Amino acid sequence: MVSATTTISSPKMKSAKALNVTEQYQISEKLINEGFKVWKKASPMLYDLIYTYSCDWPSLTVQWLEDLTASAQNNLITAKFLLGTHTTDAHQNYLKLYGVDLPSTLVSDENFGSHSISQIDPVDTETSQRRLHLLRKWRHPGEINKVRFDEQLGLIATQTNSGDILIYDYNDIASDTSVRTLKYHLKEGFGLEWSPTSQGRLLSGNEDSKIALWDLSSLRGQQSKTVMKPSRTLATHTGIINDISWNCASSDTFASISDDGSLQIHDLRAADSDVAIRVDKAHEGKAINAVEFHPALSSFLSTGAVDGSISCWDLRDVSAPVKKLYGHTGPVLNLKFKDNLMLSTSVDRRVLLWDLNRISGQDSREHDRNDENADASLIFVHGGHTGRLCEADWHPKLDNVVISCAEDSLVEIWRPLHIEDEFDYEEQEAEERKDEEEEEQKNKQHEEAGVSKNELNKHVNEANVTVKAESVTEKSDDTAINKPSDTAAIIGSSNGVQPDTANIDHKHPSRDVNMD
């Protein structure tokens, strides 16, 4: 006997459900393609620079290099970036180094300190005719989850899908494989970062909920290519570790986030089990995917969660975020700072640019997720991808130049057109506010000076009256002198002190002194 509450699924119902899912997917793809067409038509009005490249395979990670070269005519520069492939099991994966030719107008001398563009290494003219060109590639076992380059040591670190950390020697031109393998993690991971202050120190965080510290500078000269033991290990999280970030000021401080919903600040000088700062429900208990310390402000960092929200934190008070930013409709995957700007990538196929200067003042008000108006800190939306974003990166020397990669196999290099205009407008507003404040200060000083001038005129007039009274007294007869009068009352003061008339000209007692 079948219960009345039991639902029987017939083949027709299953077919209808399958058809419904298929229709939903087709509708979704159609909307994505229509949105991409709209973006493509509008892109000339949105970008100062936009290059789009379709690769053979998608990439989960990308990073700019600082190295720049210039053409002999100085009309082109070549910027370099690292890209990792994500192929099928039947195809070989590679770590690739690309060069891209960009207009030299993107370069300013201040970005190179004492060097100018004429001092940059020249471009190979044979390859510069191709805007994007492959410079080198290294074989990689399995897909590359994350790639990070250490400019000082010339070492490239990659996170694999097996949990191993592979090290490549960028300076070894003849090598096409890894030179060292760091074995500790039991599962794959995405947390990987070189220390910006301590040479050769590398942090890794994986899905086994473990954090490992590796000291590559101490491994120089070691013959074995496999390293089994990290310098330190930490196990303070109870969930998958998704990201880690070093502090810019302290070589012993870093942040980690996890699926357990906690933000943790670690101090390597403390015991392995100690956490310097812990925020257990940093995003109301939601899993956190991204964390990034500001490269100049040591107490400022941001976190991004699966609900699409971004929280900005001040380590001096972590009782609540300084600001919560809402703009993404899907999980946030990574965050990157450059000066006062921050970029964020998401599953929603968008890269958002935020102006942190707008966090202060009246724009620091809490912005509701359901607010129809965009957050005032959001200044640009990049919508050039049709698949979920994997990673984006600011170029370290070229102003506001971004590279992004996604699951649609597209690599895009772009520079927003209107960001500079925004900055110019803000600078103009700041100058106008400064002029208004200076004018107000001058008016205040003039008002105070006017009060002082009136008081001085009052004293001078009183002195003139006194002189007139004395003159009248000298000309009167003895009876008039001894007779009380109103003039005598003016000469005398309530406390018996005579006004000081030593500096008054007695030869012209009737002359008025005009202080105006």
Protein backbone atom coordinates (compact mmCIF):
# COMPACT_ATOMS: atom_id res chain seq x y z
CA MET A 1 0.00 0.00 0.00
CA VAL A 2 1.32 3.37 -1.02
CA SER A 3 1.07 6.24 1.45
CA ALA A 4 -0.79 9.33 0.34
CA THR A 5 2.30 11.44 1.02
CA THR A 6 4.58 9.32 -1.16
CA THR A 7 5.54 10.84 -4.53
CA ILE A 8 5.95 8.47 -7.46
CA SER A 9 8.40 9.67 -10.14
CA SER A 10 7.44 8.54 -13.60
CA PRO A 11 9.80 8.54 -16.60
CA LYS A 12 7.84 11.46 -18.05
CA MET A 13 8.35 13.52 -14.87
CA LYS A 14 12.08 12.80 -14.91
CA SER A 15 12.23 13.78 -18.56
CA ALA A 16 10.36 17.02 -17.80
CA LYS A 17 12.80 17.84 -14.99
CA ALA A 18 15.76 17.13 -17.24
CA LEU A 19 14.25 19.30 -19.94
CA ASN A 20 13.64 22.04 -17.42
CA VAL A 21 17.30 21.95 -16.31
CA THR A 22 18.43 22.01 -19.93
CA GLU A 23 16.17 24.95 -20.71
CA GLN A 24 17.44 26.84 -17.67
CA TYR A 25 21.03 26.26 -18.74
CA GLN A 26 20.29 27.42 -22.28
CA ILE A 27 18.55 30.53 -21.02
CA SER A 28 21.43 31.26 -18.68
CA GLU A 29 23.99 30.86 -21.46
CA LYS A 30 21.92 33.08 -23.74
CA LEU A 31 21.80 35.83 -21.13
CA ILE A 32 25.54 35.57 -20.56
CA ASN A 33 26.25 35.83 -24.29
CA GLU A 34 23.88 38.78 -24.68
CA GLY A 35 25.58 40.51 -21.77
CA PHE A 36 28.98 39.90 -23.33
CA LYS A 37 27.80 41.44 -26.61
CA VAL A 38 26.58 44.54 -24.79
CA TRP A 39 29.91 44.81 -22.95
CA LYS A 40 31.84 44.41 -26.20
CA LYS A 41 29.93 47.25 -27.86
CA ALA A 42 30.43 49.53 -24.87
CA SER A 43 34.10 48.66 -24.26
CA PRO A 44 35.56 51.55 -26.36
CA MET A 45 33.89 53.97 -23.97
CA LEU A 46 34.98 52.08 -20.85
CA TYR A 47 38.64 51.23 -21.41
CA ASP A 48 41.82 53.05 -22.19
CA LEU A 49 43.28 49.64 -23.03
CA ILE A 50 41.65 46.23 -23.55
CA TYR A 51 43.29 43.09 -24.97
CA THR A 52 41.44 39.75 -25.01
CA TYR A 53 43.16 36.44 -25.76
CA SER A 54 41.60 33.01 -26.12
CA CYS A 55 43.89 30.27 -24.78
CA ASP A 56 43.77 26.56 -25.53
CA TRP A 57 42.97 25.78 -21.90
CA PRO A 58 41.58 27.76 -18.98
CA SER A 59 43.86 29.01 -16.24
CA LEU A 60 43.14 29.13 -12.51
CA THR A 61 45.93 31.57 -11.69
CA VAL A 62 47.87 34.49 -13.16
CA GLN A 63 50.55 36.89 -11.90
CA TRP A 64 52.37 39.89 -13.38
CA LEU A 65 56.17 40.17 -13.21
CA GLU A 66 57.88 43.49 -12.54
CA ASP A 67 60.25 43.07 -15.50
CA LEU A 68 59.65 45.42 -18.46
CA THR A 69 61.42 45.74 -21.82
CA ALA A 70 61.12 48.50 -24.42
CA SER A 71 61.35 48.60 -28.22
CA ALA A 72 64.20 50.41 -29.95
CA GLN A 73 61.83 53.23 -30.90
CA ASN A 74 60.43 53.35 -27.32
CA ASN A 75 56.90 53.13 -28.70
CA LEU A 76 56.23 49.67 -27.21
CA ILE A 77 56.95 47.98 -23.92
CA THR A 78 56.73 44.28 -23.19
CA ALA A 79 55.25 43.22 -19.87
CA LYS A 80 55.54 39.64 -18.63
CA PHE A 81 53.17 37.40 -16.72
CA LEU A 82 52.95 33.80 -15.48
CA LEU A 83 50.02 31.56 -16.33
CA GLY A 84 49.20 28.00 -15.31
CA THR A 85 47.17 25.62 -17.48
CA HIS A 86 44.21 23.51 -16.39
CA THR A 87 43.93 20.72 -18.96
CA THR A 88 42.27 17.32 -19.01
CA ASP A 89 44.05 14.22 -17.75
CA ALA A 90 45.09 13.27 -21.28
CA HIS A 91 47.05 16.47 -21.88
CA GLN A 92 50.26 17.82 -20.36
CA ASN A 93 49.97 20.84 -18.07
CA TYR A 94 52.45 23.69 -18.29
CA LEU A 95 53.59 26.68 -16.32
CA LYS A 96 53.94 29.39 -18.98
CA LEU A 97 55.70 32.75 -19.20
CA TYR A 98 54.11 35.19 -21.64
CA GLY A 99 55.07 38.61 -22.93
CA VAL A 100 52.53 41.19 -24.06
CA ASP A 101 53.31 44.34 -26.06
CA LEU A 102 51.73 47.47 -24.61
CA PRO A 103 51.90 51.18 -25.52
CA SER A 104 54.87 52.93 -23.92
CA THR A 105 52.54 55.76 -22.90
CA LEU A 106 51.53 53.56 -19.96
CA VAL A 107 55.00 54.05 -18.48
CA SER A 108 55.95 57.03 -16.32
CA ASP A 109 59.49 57.69 -15.11
CA GLU A 110 58.34 57.81 -11.50
CA ASN A 111 57.51 54.09 -11.73
CA PHE A 112 61.17 53.29 -12.28
CA GLY A 113 62.81 55.47 -9.67
CA SER A 114 66.08 56.75 -11.16
CA HIS A 115 65.46 54.87 -14.45
CA SER A 116 63.52 56.16 -17.43
CA ILE A 117 61.88 54.28 -20.27
CA SER A 118 64.99 54.79 -22.43
CA GLN A 119 66.94 52.68 -19.93
CA ILE A 120 64.59 49.67 -20.11
CA ASP A 121 65.91 46.61 -21.96
CA PRO A 122 64.98 46.61 -25.67
CA VAL A 123 62.26 44.38 -27.11
CA ASP A 124 63.04 41.58 -29.55
CA THR A 125 61.63 43.05 -32.78
CA GLU A 126 61.04 39.60 -34.29
CA THR A 127 58.47 38.72 -31.63
CA SER A 128 57.13 42.20 -30.91
CA GLN A 129 54.95 42.05 -34.03
CA ARG A 130 52.81 39.50 -32.19
CA ARG A 131 51.03 41.25 -29.37
CA LEU A 132 51.01 38.17 -27.10
CA HIS A 133 53.92 35.75 -27.34
CA LEU A 134 55.03 32.71 -25.36
CA LEU A 135 58.51 33.21 -23.91
CA ARG A 136 59.04 30.03 -21.88
CA LYS A 137 57.19 27.03 -20.50
CA TRP A 138 57.86 24.42 -17.83
CA ARG A 139 56.23 21.01 -17.57
CA HIS A 140 53.93 20.63 -14.59
CA PRO A 141 52.42 17.42 -13.13
CA GLY A 142 48.70 18.13 -12.93
CA GLU A 143 46.78 21.38 -12.93
CA ILE A 144 48.20 24.54 -11.36
CA ASN A 145 45.99 25.94 -8.61
CA LYS A 146 48.18 28.94 -7.73
CA VAL A 147 51.45 30.46 -8.95
CA ARG A 148 53.61 32.95 -7.06
CA PHE A 149 56.95 34.47 -8.09
CA ASP A 150 59.76 35.67 -5.79
CA GLU A 151 61.55 38.49 -7.65
CA GLN A 152 64.53 38.51 -5.28
CA LEU A 153 65.40 34.82 -5.48
CA GLY A 154 64.07 34.25 -8.99
CA LEU A 155 62.00 31.29 -7.77
CA ILE A 156 58.49 30.34 -8.87
CA ALA A 157 56.23 28.38 -6.49
CA THR A 158 53.10 26.51 -7.59
CA GLN A 159 50.26 24.82 -5.73
CA THR A 160 49.35 21.46 -7.29
CA ASN A 161 46.17 19.40 -7.15
CA SER A 162 48.06 16.72 -5.19
CA GLY A 163 49.12 18.94 -2.29
CA ASP A 164 52.78 19.21 -3.30
CA ILE A 165 54.45 22.61 -3.69
CA LEU A 166 56.75 22.78 -6.72
CA ILE A 167 59.66 25.23 -7.05
CA TYR A 168 60.96 26.39 -10.45
CA ASP A 169 64.17 28.33 -11.12
CA TYR A 170 63.32 31.32 -13.30
CA ASN A 171 66.98 32.16 -13.87
CA ASP A 172 67.89 28.68 -15.15
CA ILE A 173 67.22 29.12 -18.85
CA ALA A 174 67.96 25.48 -19.71
CA SER A 175 65.55 24.01 -17.16
CA ASP A 176 62.01 23.05 -18.16
CA THR A 177 61.01 21.17 -14.98
CA SER A 178 60.77 21.91 -11.28
CA VAL A 179 63.99 22.02 -9.27
CA ARG A 180 62.46 21.19 -5.88
CA THR A 181 59.34 19.57 -4.42
CA LEU A 182 57.95 20.53 -1.02
CA LYS A 183 55.99 17.61 0.42
CA TYR A 184 53.81 18.01 3.50
CA HIS A 185 50.17 18.63 2.62
CA LEU A 186 47.87 15.67 2.06
CA LYS A 187 45.32 17.54 -0.05
CA GLU A 188 45.38 20.21 -2.74
CA GLY A 189 45.34 23.89 -1.87
CA PHE A 190 45.10 27.47 -3.07
CA GLY A 191 46.88 29.37 -0.28
CA LEU A 192 50.39 30.35 -1.37
CA GLU A 193 52.48 33.50 -0.81
CA TRP A 194 56.13 34.58 -0.57
CA SER A 195 57.10 36.88 2.29
CA PRO A 196 57.57 40.50 1.11
CA THR A 197 59.94 41.28 3.99
CA SER A 198 61.90 38.06 4.65
CA GLN A 199 63.72 36.55 1.68
CA GLY A 200 62.92 32.94 0.83
CA ARG A 201 60.04 32.40 3.27
CA LEU A 202 57.00 30.78 1.71
CA LEU A 203 53.58 30.08 3.25
CA SER A 204 51.18 27.40 2.03
CA GLY A 205 47.63 26.62 3.17
CA ASN A 206 45.63 23.63 1.90
CA GLU A 207 42.41 21.69 2.18
CA ASP A 208 43.92 19.52 4.94
CA SER A 209 43.41 22.54 7.27
CA LYS A 210 47.18 22.88 7.74
CA ILE A 211 49.50 25.86 7.25
CA ALA A 212 53.17 25.26 6.44
CA LEU A 213 56.10 27.68 6.52
CA TRP A 214 59.00 26.89 4.19
CA ASP A 215 62.43 28.57 4.28
CA LEU A 216 63.86 28.26 0.77
CA SER A 217 66.91 30.39 1.52
CA SER A 218 68.16 27.71 3.93
CA LEU A 219 67.93 25.03 1.21
CA ARG A 220 70.61 26.51 -1.03
CA GLY A 221 73.26 23.96 -1.85
CA GLN A 222 71.10 21.06 -0.72
CA GLN A 223 71.35 18.22 -3.22
CA SER A 224 67.99 16.56 -2.56
CA LYS A 225 65.17 17.87 -4.72
CA THR A 226 62.50 16.71 -2.28
CA VAL A 227 61.93 18.50 1.02
CA MET A 228 59.77 16.60 3.49
CA LYS A 229 59.78 18.89 6.50
CA PRO A 230 58.56 22.51 6.71
CA SER A 231 60.16 25.02 9.09
CA ARG A 232 56.87 25.43 10.97
CA THR A 233 53.36 24.01 10.79
CA LEU A 234 50.13 25.36 12.25
CA ALA A 235 46.77 23.63 12.69
CA THR A 236 44.51 26.29 14.22
CA HIS A 237 41.70 26.06 11.64
CA THR A 238 38.98 23.40 11.62
CA GLY A 239 38.07 23.78 7.95
CA ILE A 240 39.66 24.08 4.52
CA ILE A 241 42.21 26.90 4.33
CA ASN A 242 41.46 28.97 1.25
CA ASP A 243 43.95 31.83 1.40
CA ILE A 244 46.83 33.37 3.36
CA SER A 245 48.48 36.79 3.32
CA TRP A 246 51.70 38.18 4.80
CA ASN A 247 51.77 41.47 6.70
CA CYS A 248 53.79 44.18 4.97
CA ALA A 249 55.51 45.47 8.13
CA SER A 250 56.22 42.34 10.17
CA SER A 251 58.15 39.34 8.87
CA ASP A 252 56.45 37.13 11.50
CA THR A 253 52.82 38.16 10.99
CA PHE A 254 50.32 36.77 8.50
CA ALA A 255 46.57 36.25 8.11
CA SER A 256 44.65 33.10 7.22
CA ILE A 257 41.00 32.38 6.43
CA SER A 258 39.02 29.17 6.14
CA ASP A 259 35.74 27.45 5.46
CA ASP A 260 35.28 27.45 9.24
CA GLY A 261 34.34 31.14 8.92
CA SER A 262 37.21 32.50 11.02
CA LEU A 263 39.79 35.17 10.30
CA GLN A 264 43.05 34.48 12.14
CA ILE A 265 46.15 36.63 12.59
CA HIS A 266 49.27 34.62 13.42
CA ASP A 267 52.57 35.62 15.01
CA LEU A 268 55.35 33.14 14.27
CA ARG A 269 57.18 34.19 17.43
CA ALA A 270 54.39 32.60 19.48
CA ALA A 271 53.65 28.92 20.01
CA ASP A 272 52.17 26.91 17.14
CA SER A 273 48.80 26.60 18.85
CA ASP A 274 48.49 30.30 19.74
CA VAL A 275 46.54 32.74 17.57
CA ALA A 276 47.32 36.44 18.02
CA ILE A 277 43.88 37.63 16.82
CA ARG A 278 40.86 35.46 16.09
CA VAL A 279 37.52 36.59 14.63
CA ASP A 280 35.38 33.46 14.70
CA LYS A 281 32.42 34.68 12.66
CA ALA A 282 34.07 37.28 10.48
CA HIS A 283 31.30 36.99 7.86
CA GLU A 284 28.44 35.91 10.11
CA GLY A 285 29.63 32.31 10.03
CA LYS A 286 29.92 32.08 6.23
CA ALA A 287 32.96 30.42 4.65
CA ILE A 288 35.72 32.88 3.66
CA ASN A 289 37.59 32.48 0.38
CA ALA A 290 40.02 35.41 0.24
CA VAL A 291 42.19 37.55 2.51
CA GLU A 292 44.66 40.30 1.64
CA PHE A 293 46.80 42.64 3.73
CA HIS A 294 47.28 46.15 2.37
CA PRO A 295 50.86 46.46 1.03
CA ALA A 296 51.47 49.76 2.85
CA LEU A 297 48.98 49.94 5.75
CA SER A 298 50.04 47.18 8.13
CA SER A 299 46.86 47.26 10.23
CA PHE A 300 44.44 47.15 7.27
CA LEU A 301 43.21 44.03 5.47
CA SER A 302 40.16 42.76 3.60
CA THR A 303 38.32 39.45 3.45
CA GLY A 304 35.89 38.05 0.87
CA ALA A 305 33.23 35.42 1.57
CA VAL A 306 31.00 32.95 -0.25
CA ASP A 307 27.99 35.24 0.15
CA GLY A 308 29.64 37.85 -2.10
CA SER A 309 30.42 40.31 0.68
CA ILE A 310 33.79 41.97 1.36
CA SER A 311 34.79 43.16 4.83
CA CYS A 312 37.49 45.74 5.50
CA TRP A 313 39.23 45.35 8.86
CA ASP A 314 41.40 47.48 11.13
CA LEU A 315 43.48 45.22 13.38
CA ARG A 316 43.42 47.82 16.14
CA ASP A 317 39.74 46.99 16.63
CA VAL A 318 38.32 43.79 15.12
CA SER A 319 35.03 43.90 17.01
CA ALA A 320 33.41 44.88 13.70
CA PRO A 321 34.58 45.58 10.14
CA VAL A 322 35.46 49.15 9.22
CA LYS A 323 33.25 48.74 6.15
CA LYS A 324 31.29 46.00 4.40
CA LEU A 325 31.23 46.16 0.62
CA TYR A 326 28.43 44.66 -1.45
CA GLY A 327 28.67 44.37 -5.22
CA HIS A 328 29.19 40.72 -6.14
CA THR A 329 26.31 38.30 -6.66
CA GLY A 330 28.49 35.21 -6.19
CA PRO A 331 31.32 34.01 -3.93
CA VAL A 332 34.38 36.27 -3.83
CA LEU A 333 37.51 34.38 -4.91
CA ASN A 334 40.44 36.77 -4.57
CA LEU A 335 41.39 40.32 -3.50
CA LYS A 336 44.31 42.54 -4.52
CA PHE A 337 45.38 46.02 -3.37
CA LYS A 338 47.26 48.76 -5.17
CA ASP A 339 47.61 52.09 -3.36
CA ASN A 340 44.08 53.22 -2.53
CA LEU A 341 42.44 50.77 -4.95
CA MET A 342 41.29 47.21 -4.41
CA LEU A 343 40.10 44.66 -6.97
CA SER A 344 37.91 41.65 -6.27
CA THR A 345 37.01 38.67 -8.44
CA SER A 346 34.02 36.40 -8.13
CA VAL A 347 32.14 33.42 -9.49
CA ASP A 348 29.70 35.99 -10.92
CA ARG A 349 32.16 36.61 -13.84
CA ARG A 350 32.98 40.14 -12.67
CA VAL A 351 36.07 42.02 -11.55
CA LEU A 352 35.12 44.95 -9.33
CA LEU A 353 37.37 47.91 -8.57
CA TRP A 354 36.93 49.74 -5.26
CA ASP A 355 38.24 53.13 -4.13
CA LEU A 356 39.21 52.82 -0.46
CA ASN A 357 39.40 56.60 -0.05
CA ARG A 358 35.62 56.63 -0.20
CA ILE A 359 35.37 54.46 2.88
CA SER A 360 36.05 57.48 5.11
CA GLY A 361 33.70 60.40 5.65
CA GLN A 362 30.04 60.31 4.72
CA ASP A 363 30.57 57.36 2.37
CA SER A 364 31.50 55.14 5.32
CA ARG A 365 27.83 54.58 6.08
CA GLU A 366 26.78 50.94 5.98
CA HIS A 367 25.57 49.99 2.52
CA ASP A 368 22.77 47.46 2.54
CA ARG A 369 23.08 44.45 0.24
CA ASN A 370 19.59 45.11 -1.11
CA ASP A 371 20.15 48.83 -1.65
CA GLU A 372 19.19 49.81 -5.19
CA ASN A 373 22.03 52.35 -5.36
CA ALA A 374 25.57 51.10 -5.94
CA ASP A 375 28.09 51.36 -3.15
CA ALA A 376 29.95 54.68 -3.35
CA SER A 377 33.28 52.83 -3.06
CA LEU A 378 32.59 50.82 -6.24
CA ILE A 379 34.13 52.71 -9.17
CA PHE A 380 34.38 50.16 -11.99
CA VAL A 381 32.92 46.81 -13.11
CA HIS A 382 34.80 44.67 -15.62
CA GLY A 383 32.37 42.37 -17.44
CA GLY A 384 34.51 40.91 -20.22
CA HIS A 385 34.39 37.25 -19.14
CA THR A 386 31.71 34.67 -19.85
CA GLY A 387 32.96 32.15 -17.27
CA ARG A 388 33.60 32.44 -13.58
CA LEU A 389 36.62 34.55 -12.69
CA CYS A 390 39.62 32.70 -11.29
CA GLU A 391 42.14 35.44 -10.53
CA ALA A 392 43.14 39.02 -11.39
CA ASP A 393 46.27 41.01 -10.67
CA TRP A 394 47.43 44.65 -10.74
CA HIS A 395 50.61 45.34 -12.66
CA PRO A 396 53.20 46.43 -10.06
CA LYS A 397 54.58 49.28 -12.21
CA LEU A 398 51.98 50.22 -14.83
CA ASP A 399 49.22 52.40 -13.43
CA ASN A 400 45.81 50.73 -13.19
CA VAL A 401 46.68 47.93 -15.66
CA VAL A 402 44.94 44.68 -14.72
CA ILE A 403 45.19 41.11 -16.02
CA SER A 404 42.35 38.63 -15.42
CA CYS A 405 41.76 34.96 -16.25
CA ALA A 406 38.62 32.86 -16.09
CA GLU A 407 37.19 29.42 -16.80
CA ASP A 408 36.15 30.62 -20.28
CA SER A 409 39.85 30.28 -21.31
CA LEU A 410 40.07 34.04 -21.83
CA VAL A 411 43.00 36.11 -20.59
CA GLU A 412 42.23 39.82 -20.60
CA ILE A 413 44.55 42.78 -20.07
CA TRP A 414 42.78 46.05 -19.47
CA ARG A 415 42.98 49.56 -18.10
CA PRO A 416 39.78 51.45 -17.20
CA LEU A 417 39.31 54.75 -18.98
CA HIS A 418 37.51 56.78 -16.33
CA ILE A 419 39.47 55.98 -13.18
CA GLU A 420 41.95 58.79 -13.84
CA ASP A 421 39.02 61.16 -14.40
CA GLU A 422 37.60 60.08 -11.05
CA PHE A 423 40.90 60.84 -9.37
CA ASP A 424 41.19 64.22 -11.13
CA TYR A 425 37.67 65.10 -10.02
CA GLU A 426 38.41 64.06 -6.45
CA GLU A 427 41.64 66.07 -6.45
CA GLN A 428 39.74 69.09 -7.77
CA GLU A 429 37.13 68.68 -5.05
CA ALA A 430 39.88 68.40 -2.43
CA GLU A 431 41.53 71.59 -3.72
CA GLU A 432 38.19 73.42 -3.67
CA ARG A 433 37.55 72.28 -0.10
CA LYS A 434 41.05 73.43 0.86
CA ASP A 435 40.48 76.86 -0.73
CA GLU A 436 37.16 77.20 1.10
CA GLU A 437 38.78 76.31 4.42
CA GLU A 438 41.58 78.82 3.84
CA GLU A 439 39.06 81.52 2.91
CA GLU A 440 37.02 80.74 6.00
CA GLN A 441 40.14 80.92 8.15
CA LYS A 442 41.07 84.30 6.65
CA ASN A 443 37.58 85.66 7.29
CA LYS A 444 37.78 84.46 10.86
CA GLN A 445 41.14 86.16 11.32
CA HIS A 446 39.77 89.37 9.81
CA GLU A 447 36.80 89.28 12.15
CA GLU A 448 39.08 88.82 15.14
CA ALA A 449 41.32 91.61 13.87
CA GLY A 450 38.26 93.84 13.44
CA VAL A 451 37.26 93.33 17.07
CA SER A 452 40.77 94.21 18.23
CA LYS A 453 40.75 97.30 16.00
CA ASN A 454 37.43 98.48 17.44
CA GLU A 455 38.72 98.05 20.95
CA LEU A 456 41.86 100.06 20.09
CA ASN A 457 39.75 102.82 18.52
CA LYS A 458 37.63 102.89 21.65
CA HIS A 459 40.69 103.38 23.87
CA VAL A 460 42.06 106.10 21.57
CA ASN A 461 38.74 107.93 21.54
CA GLU A 462 38.57 107.78 25.32
CA ALA A 463 42.09 109.21 25.44
CA ASN A 464 41.08 112.04 23.09
CA VAL A 465 38.13 112.87 25.30
CA THR A 466 40.47 113.01 28.28
CA VAL A 467 42.85 115.34 26.46
CA LYS A 468 39.96 117.62 25.50
CA ALA A 469 38.82 117.71 29.10
CA GLU A 470 42.31 118.63 30.34
CA SER A 471 42.53 121.39 27.74
CA VAL A 472 39.21 122.84 28.84
CA THR A 473 40.33 122.72 32.45
CA GLU A 474 43.57 124.64 31.70
CA LYS A 475 41.62 127.50 30.04
CA SER A 476 38.98 127.89 32.76
CA ASP A 477 39.27 130.23 35.79
CA ASP A 478 40.10 129.06 39.31
CA THR A 479 36.45 128.86 40.25
CA ALA A 480 35.67 126.77 37.19
CA ILE A 481 38.60 124.49 37.93
CA ASN A 482 37.43 123.83 41.50
CA LYS A 483 33.81 123.35 40.44
CA PRO A 484 32.63 119.79 39.96
CA SER A 485 31.46 119.13 36.40
CA ASP A 486 30.66 116.37 34.00
CA THR A 487 34.11 116.77 32.45
CA ALA A 488 35.76 116.08 35.79
CA ALA A 489 33.65 112.96 36.07
CA ILE A 490 34.98 111.84 32.69
CA ILE A 491 38.60 112.45 33.80
CA GLY A 492 38.18 110.47 36.98
CA SER A 493 37.82 106.70 36.79
CA SER A 494 35.85 104.44 39.04
CA ASN A 495 39.01 102.99 40.57
CA GLY A 496 40.83 106.32 40.85
CA VAL A 497 43.34 105.53 38.07
CA GLN A 498 43.86 108.22 35.44
CA PRO A 499 43.96 107.17 31.77
CA ASP A 500 47.46 107.05 30.25
CA THR A 501 47.78 110.07 27.95
CA ALA A 502 51.57 110.23 27.72
CA ASN A 503 51.60 109.34 24.04
CA ILE A 504 48.78 111.69 23.01
CA ASP A 505 49.67 114.92 21.15
CA HIS A 506 48.60 117.73 23.53
CA LYS A 507 49.32 120.42 20.93
CA HIS A 508 46.24 119.32 18.98
CA PRO A 509 43.80 118.05 21.60
CA SER A 510 40.84 118.13 19.23
CA ARG A 511 42.44 115.92 16.51
CA ASP A 512 40.67 112.58 16.00
CA VAL A 513 42.83 109.50 15.55
CA ASN A 514 41.46 107.33 12.74
CA MET A 515 42.62 103.70 12.90
CA ASP A 516 40.84 102.76 9.73
